[in-house]
Amino acid sequence: MHIDPNDLLLFARVVEAGSFSRAAERVGLPKSTVSRRVAGLEAGFGERLLTRTTRKLVLTEFGLSLLDHARQVVAEVDAVAALAEHRQAEPSGHLRVSMPGDFACLVIAPLLTEFIARYPAVVLDIDLSPRRVDLIGENFDLALRMGELPDDATLAARRVGVFSVGLYAAPAYLERRGTPAGPDELLHHDALRLLPPHGEPLPWSLGRGPERWEQIPPGRAGANSPELLVRLARLGAGIVAVPDHYAQPYVDGGELVAVLPDWRLPPVTAWAVFPGRRLMPAKTRVFIDLLEERFTRRCPPPPPEGG
């Protein structure tokens, strides 16, 4: 049988998009054409590739096996497109980026606005889902990730910023409960604690020069969203530990003040993660360059501990 690589490409795009209509929109074809081409693949193989329900598309066992091969076609097509784009003076095309929602809303929104204005031929597609996306399988150009990175030979990473972390609270909370004079007094306050994926609160590890203090502070609220914790702190619910860049707009507006400013928590590193075995398109390169430029300028790395 003859297999048209374009049909495999369309099949992969349908799975990536999650629907025929979204896939058709992305590739610039009528929905009926995309549906007919995928149906032609199924007829040629004599096997169903997708089960269509009212809400979503579900891969059959054979469809799942074929998807690996279809993704290789996508990778080759994307590599050729990247090569062509790399030679262009002006970056262009869709740039698919995954990033934490809190980071996008609290920190990066102004940078996105600047990028859109600077590169009018690039269309940004931003994914804010909390999960760690499969960059290659879901056809993302890059992801912004905070903290430690998983060991994945298919991915590459570039550090774009280092964020210092401090303690903050609303003036009204400190008037009501008192301002801590040292770390031990945090044990008599309400901490707004960031919860990791496993759900157990982490200790606050504070340092001032050679001095160290580490405890799990008492708290009446915890969440896996820094944005929510900052909001609770602004409303006077307690003391929050967040990157300074998250809190600074509210410090400038008088809604938050620094608590124990001489005592710092370990800094958080921001990474741009991207497929490591592809030529980087110009659109991806200029986005990462802008991130690094802005974060280095606005958030210089904190001094080494003990110095």
Protein backbone atom coordinates (compact mmCIF):
# COMPACT_ATOMS: atom_id res chain seq x y z
CA MET A 1 0.00 0.00 0.00
CA HIS A 2 1.07 3.60 -0.59
CA ILE A 3 1.20 5.88 2.44
CA ASP A 4 1.21 9.62 1.92
CA PRO A 5 3.54 11.20 4.52
CA ASN A 6 1.26 14.24 4.49
CA ASP A 7 -1.56 12.08 5.84
CA LEU A 8 0.67 10.87 8.67
CA LEU A 9 1.50 14.50 9.37
CA LEU A 10 -2.19 15.40 9.54
CA PHE A 11 -2.89 12.45 11.83
CA ALA A 12 -0.18 13.63 14.25
CA ARG A 13 -1.51 17.19 14.11
CA VAL A 14 -5.03 15.98 14.96
CA VAL A 15 -3.74 14.08 18.01
CA GLU A 16 -1.63 17.07 19.07
CA ALA A 17 -4.56 19.49 18.73
CA GLY A 18 -7.11 17.17 20.35
CA SER A 19 -9.76 17.74 17.68
CA PHE A 20 -10.20 17.82 13.92
CA SER A 21 -11.40 21.43 13.96
CA ARG A 22 -8.40 22.75 15.91
CA ALA A 23 -5.99 20.74 13.77
CA ALA A 24 -7.62 22.07 10.60
CA GLU A 25 -7.26 25.62 11.87
CA ARG A 26 -3.58 25.12 12.65
CA VAL A 27 -2.68 23.60 9.27
CA GLY A 28 -4.93 25.90 7.26
CA LEU A 29 -7.17 23.23 5.71
CA PRO A 30 -10.93 22.67 5.87
CA LYS A 31 -12.02 20.37 8.67
CA SER A 32 -13.67 18.07 6.12
CA THR A 33 -10.36 17.64 4.30
CA VAL A 34 -8.47 16.74 7.47
CA SER A 35 -11.19 14.28 8.51
CA ARG A 36 -11.25 12.70 5.04
CA ARG A 37 -7.46 12.31 4.93
CA VAL A 38 -7.34 10.61 8.33
CA ALA A 39 -10.25 8.39 7.32
CA GLY A 40 -8.26 7.49 4.20
CA LEU A 41 -5.36 6.42 6.41
CA GLU A 42 -7.69 4.21 8.42
CA ALA A 43 -9.10 2.68 5.23
CA GLY A 44 -5.62 2.03 3.89
CA PHE A 45 -4.50 0.28 7.06
CA GLY A 46 -7.83 -1.42 7.61
CA GLU A 47 -7.63 -0.29 11.24
CA ARG A 48 -9.26 2.42 13.32
CA LEU A 49 -6.76 5.02 14.50
CA LEU A 50 -9.08 7.18 16.60
CA THR A 51 -12.29 6.65 18.52
CA ARG A 52 -14.43 9.75 18.22
CA THR A 53 -16.61 10.66 21.20
CA THR A 54 -18.69 13.76 21.82
CA ARG A 55 -15.96 15.27 23.99
CA LYS A 56 -12.60 14.02 22.79
CA LEU A 57 -10.60 11.79 20.50
CA VAL A 58 -9.16 8.58 21.93
CA LEU A 59 -6.30 6.71 20.27
CA THR A 60 -6.81 3.04 19.52
CA GLU A 61 -3.99 0.61 20.24
CA PHE A 62 -2.97 0.66 16.57
CA GLY A 63 -3.30 4.44 16.46
CA LEU A 64 -0.97 4.75 19.42
CA SER A 65 1.62 2.58 17.66
CA LEU A 66 1.33 4.57 14.45
CA LEU A 67 1.63 7.87 16.32
CA ASP A 68 5.31 7.26 17.07
CA HIS A 69 6.04 7.00 13.34
CA ALA A 70 3.82 9.97 12.54
CA ARG A 71 5.71 12.08 15.06
CA GLN A 72 8.94 11.28 13.26
CA VAL A 73 7.40 12.77 10.12
CA VAL A 74 6.40 15.85 12.13
CA ALA A 75 9.92 16.16 13.52
CA GLU A 76 11.44 16.03 10.04
CA VAL A 77 8.98 18.59 8.68
CA ASP A 78 9.58 20.87 11.65
CA ALA A 79 13.35 20.51 11.21
CA VAL A 80 13.10 21.59 7.57
CA ALA A 81 10.85 24.50 8.54
CA ALA A 82 13.29 25.48 11.28
CA LEU A 83 16.18 25.40 8.81
CA ALA A 84 14.28 27.68 6.44
CA GLU A 85 13.27 30.00 9.26
CA HIS A 86 16.80 30.03 10.62
CA ARG A 87 17.93 31.57 7.36
CA GLN A 88 15.29 34.28 7.51
CA ALA A 89 16.15 37.72 8.82
CA GLU A 90 12.80 38.05 10.58
CA PRO A 91 11.55 35.36 13.03
CA SER A 92 8.06 34.18 12.15
CA GLY A 93 5.46 31.48 12.76
CA HIS A 94 3.68 30.09 15.81
CA LEU A 95 5.74 29.82 18.99
CA ARG A 96 4.28 27.30 21.44
CA VAL A 97 5.46 27.90 25.01
CA SER A 98 4.52 26.15 28.24
CA MET A 99 5.05 27.95 31.54
CA PRO A 100 3.66 28.03 35.10
CA GLY A 101 0.55 30.17 35.31
CA ASP A 102 1.77 32.04 38.39
CA PHE A 103 5.04 32.90 36.71
CA ALA A 104 3.21 34.14 33.62
CA CYS A 105 0.78 36.34 35.56
CA LEU A 106 3.12 37.70 38.24
CA VAL A 107 6.36 38.09 36.30
CA ILE A 108 6.40 37.53 32.59
CA ALA A 109 3.32 39.29 31.19
CA PRO A 110 5.17 42.58 30.47
CA LEU A 111 7.91 40.65 28.67
CA LEU A 112 5.34 38.85 26.52
CA THR A 113 3.88 42.22 25.54
CA GLU A 114 7.35 43.44 24.58
CA PHE A 115 8.02 40.30 22.53
CA ILE A 116 4.74 40.62 20.62
CA ALA A 117 5.52 44.23 19.76
CA ARG A 118 9.10 43.47 18.74
CA TYR A 119 8.33 40.42 16.54
CA PRO A 120 4.99 41.00 14.78
CA ALA A 121 5.46 37.96 12.51
CA VAL A 122 5.51 35.57 15.49
CA VAL A 123 2.25 34.31 17.01
CA LEU A 124 2.54 33.25 20.66
CA ASP A 125 0.61 30.20 21.87
CA ILE A 126 0.96 30.06 25.68
CA ASP A 127 0.05 26.96 27.70
CA LEU A 128 -0.40 27.52 31.45
CA SER A 129 -1.36 24.01 32.51
CA PRO A 130 0.38 23.02 35.77
CA ARG A 131 1.62 19.68 34.41
CA ARG A 132 5.00 19.28 32.77
CA VAL A 133 4.19 18.93 29.10
CA ASP A 134 5.87 16.51 26.69
CA LEU A 135 7.70 19.07 24.57
CA ILE A 136 8.46 16.76 21.66
CA GLY A 137 5.31 14.64 21.76
CA GLU A 138 3.02 17.67 22.06
CA ASN A 139 5.04 19.82 19.65
CA PHE A 140 6.03 22.62 22.00
CA ASP A 141 8.92 24.88 21.05
CA LEU A 142 10.01 25.43 24.63
CA ALA A 143 8.92 25.42 28.26
CA LEU A 144 9.84 27.67 31.16
CA ARG A 145 10.53 25.67 34.29
CA MET A 146 11.56 26.63 37.79
CA GLY A 147 14.00 24.85 40.08
CA GLU A 148 15.62 21.51 39.36
CA LEU A 149 15.32 19.87 35.96
CA PRO A 150 14.68 16.20 35.20
CA ASP A 151 17.43 14.24 33.46
CA ASP A 152 16.17 13.91 29.88
CA ALA A 153 18.63 13.27 27.05
CA THR A 154 16.13 14.49 24.43
CA LEU A 155 15.97 17.99 25.94
CA ALA A 156 18.36 20.89 26.34
CA ALA A 157 18.12 23.78 28.78
CA ARG A 158 19.42 27.30 29.16
CA ARG A 159 19.35 29.26 32.38
CA VAL A 160 17.50 32.53 31.83
CA GLY A 161 17.30 33.93 35.34
CA VAL A 162 17.99 33.48 39.04
CA PHE A 163 15.37 34.84 41.43
CA SER A 164 16.17 35.75 45.03
CA VAL A 165 13.52 34.73 47.56
CA GLY A 166 12.35 36.56 50.67
CA LEU A 167 9.55 36.80 53.23
CA TYR A 168 6.64 39.22 52.87
CA ALA A 169 3.49 40.19 54.74
CA ALA A 170 0.82 42.89 54.68
CA PRO A 171 1.33 45.90 56.99
CA ALA A 172 -2.07 45.18 58.57
CA TYR A 173 -0.99 41.64 59.48
CA LEU A 174 2.22 42.88 61.10
CA GLU A 175 0.33 45.55 63.04
CA ARG A 176 -2.00 42.86 64.36
CA ARG A 177 0.57 40.12 65.09
CA GLY A 178 3.81 42.05 65.46
CA THR A 179 6.91 42.16 63.26
CA PRO A 180 9.34 39.25 63.77
CA ALA A 181 12.73 40.38 65.05
CA GLY A 182 14.41 37.06 64.23
CA PRO A 183 13.67 33.71 62.56
CA ASP A 184 12.61 31.98 65.80
CA GLU A 185 9.69 34.40 66.08
CA LEU A 186 8.31 33.01 62.81
CA LEU A 187 7.21 30.00 64.86
CA HIS A 188 4.61 32.26 66.48
CA HIS A 189 3.20 33.51 63.17
CA ASP A 190 0.96 32.17 60.41
CA ALA A 191 2.97 30.96 57.44
CA LEU A 192 1.44 30.76 53.97
CA ARG A 193 3.21 27.67 52.70
CA LEU A 194 3.89 26.57 49.15
CA LEU A 195 3.00 22.90 48.74
CA PRO A 196 5.13 20.71 46.44
CA PRO A 197 3.51 17.99 44.28
CA HIS A 198 3.61 15.42 47.09
CA GLY A 199 1.62 17.81 49.29
CA GLU A 200 3.86 17.91 52.37
CA PRO A 201 4.99 21.40 53.42
CA LEU A 202 8.69 22.12 53.03
CA PRO A 203 10.80 23.82 55.70
CA TRP A 204 11.81 27.42 55.35
CA SER A 205 15.60 27.45 55.01
CA LEU A 206 16.83 30.93 55.88
CA GLY A 207 20.36 32.25 55.73
CA ARG A 208 22.14 35.43 56.77
CA GLY A 209 25.82 35.29 55.98
CA PRO A 210 27.12 32.16 57.76
CA GLU A 211 24.00 31.85 59.96
CA ARG A 212 21.36 29.24 59.12
CA TRP A 213 17.82 28.61 60.33
CA GLU A 214 15.54 25.85 59.09
CA GLN A 215 12.09 24.98 60.40
CA ILE A 216 8.64 24.09 59.12
CA PRO A 217 6.73 27.15 60.29
CA PRO A 218 3.19 26.77 61.57
CA GLY A 219 0.60 27.65 59.00
CA ARG A 220 -3.13 27.69 58.55
CA ALA A 221 -3.05 27.77 54.74
CA GLY A 222 -1.00 26.07 52.04
CA ALA A 223 -1.35 25.93 48.27
CA ASN A 224 0.55 24.91 45.15
CA SER A 225 -0.01 28.38 43.69
CA PRO A 226 2.39 31.22 44.55
CA GLU A 227 -0.11 33.66 43.03
CA LEU A 228 -2.79 32.58 45.52
CA LEU A 229 -0.36 32.74 48.44
CA VAL A 230 0.69 36.26 47.47
CA ARG A 231 -2.98 37.22 47.27
CA LEU A 232 -3.62 35.79 50.75
CA ALA A 233 -0.61 37.67 52.11
CA ARG A 234 -1.90 40.92 50.62
CA LEU A 235 -5.21 40.28 52.41
CA GLY A 236 -3.41 39.91 55.75
CA ALA A 237 -3.59 36.12 56.15
CA GLY A 238 0.06 35.58 57.07
CA ILE A 239 3.69 35.62 55.94
CA VAL A 240 4.64 34.25 52.53
CA ALA A 241 8.00 33.15 51.11
CA VAL A 242 8.18 34.02 47.40
CA PRO A 243 10.66 35.28 44.81
CA ASP A 244 11.18 39.01 45.28
CA HIS A 245 10.05 39.66 41.72
CA TYR A 246 6.62 38.19 42.56
CA ALA A 247 6.18 40.52 45.52
CA GLN A 248 7.85 43.72 44.29
CA PRO A 249 4.79 45.28 42.56
CA TYR A 250 2.83 44.96 45.81
CA VAL A 251 5.73 46.29 47.87
CA ASP A 252 5.82 49.32 45.57
CA GLY A 253 2.06 49.73 46.06
CA GLY A 254 2.23 49.48 49.84
CA GLU A 255 0.30 46.20 50.06
CA LEU A 256 3.29 44.12 51.22
CA VAL A 257 6.47 44.76 53.17
CA ALA A 258 9.60 42.65 53.52
CA VAL A 259 9.89 40.58 56.71
CA LEU A 260 13.38 39.87 58.07
CA PRO A 261 14.94 41.33 54.90
CA ASP A 262 18.46 40.32 55.97
CA TRP A 263 17.43 36.66 56.02
CA ARG A 264 17.10 35.02 52.61
CA LEU A 265 15.79 31.72 51.28
CA PRO A 266 17.63 29.73 48.56
CA PRO A 267 17.28 31.38 45.14
CA VAL A 268 15.13 29.83 42.42
CA THR A 269 16.52 29.29 38.92
CA ALA A 270 14.37 29.77 35.82
CA TRP A 271 15.19 27.56 32.82
CA ALA A 272 14.19 27.63 29.18
CA VAL A 273 13.85 23.98 28.14
CA PHE A 274 13.66 22.97 24.48
CA PRO A 275 14.12 19.91 22.24
CA GLY A 276 17.83 19.20 22.14
CA ARG A 277 18.09 17.41 18.81
CA ARG A 278 16.54 20.02 16.57
CA LEU A 279 17.95 23.12 14.99
CA MET A 280 16.59 25.95 17.10
CA PRO A 281 14.22 28.16 15.06
CA ALA A 282 14.87 31.89 15.07
CA LYS A 283 11.54 32.51 16.83
CA THR A 284 12.65 30.31 19.75
CA ARG A 285 16.13 31.78 19.91
CA VAL A 286 14.99 35.41 20.08
CA PHE A 287 12.40 34.56 22.75
CA ILE A 288 15.02 32.91 24.96
CA ASP A 289 17.45 35.77 24.31
CA LEU A 290 14.85 38.29 25.47
CA LEU A 291 14.11 36.27 28.61
CA GLU A 292 17.78 36.09 29.51
CA GLU A 293 18.35 39.77 28.75
CA ARG A 294 15.43 41.01 30.82
CA PHE A 295 15.84 38.66 33.77
CA THR A 296 19.58 39.28 34.01
CA ARG A 297 18.95 43.02 34.03
CA ARG A 298 16.04 43.00 36.48
CA CYS A 299 16.97 40.01 38.64
CA PRO A 300 20.75 39.78 39.06
CA PRO A 301 21.82 36.58 40.81
CA PRO A 302 21.87 36.90 44.60
CA PRO A 303 25.26 36.92 46.32
CA PRO A 304 26.69 33.51 47.28
CA GLU A 305 25.64 32.22 50.66
CA GLY A 306 28.17 32.96 53.34
CA GLY A 307 29.54 35.98 51.46
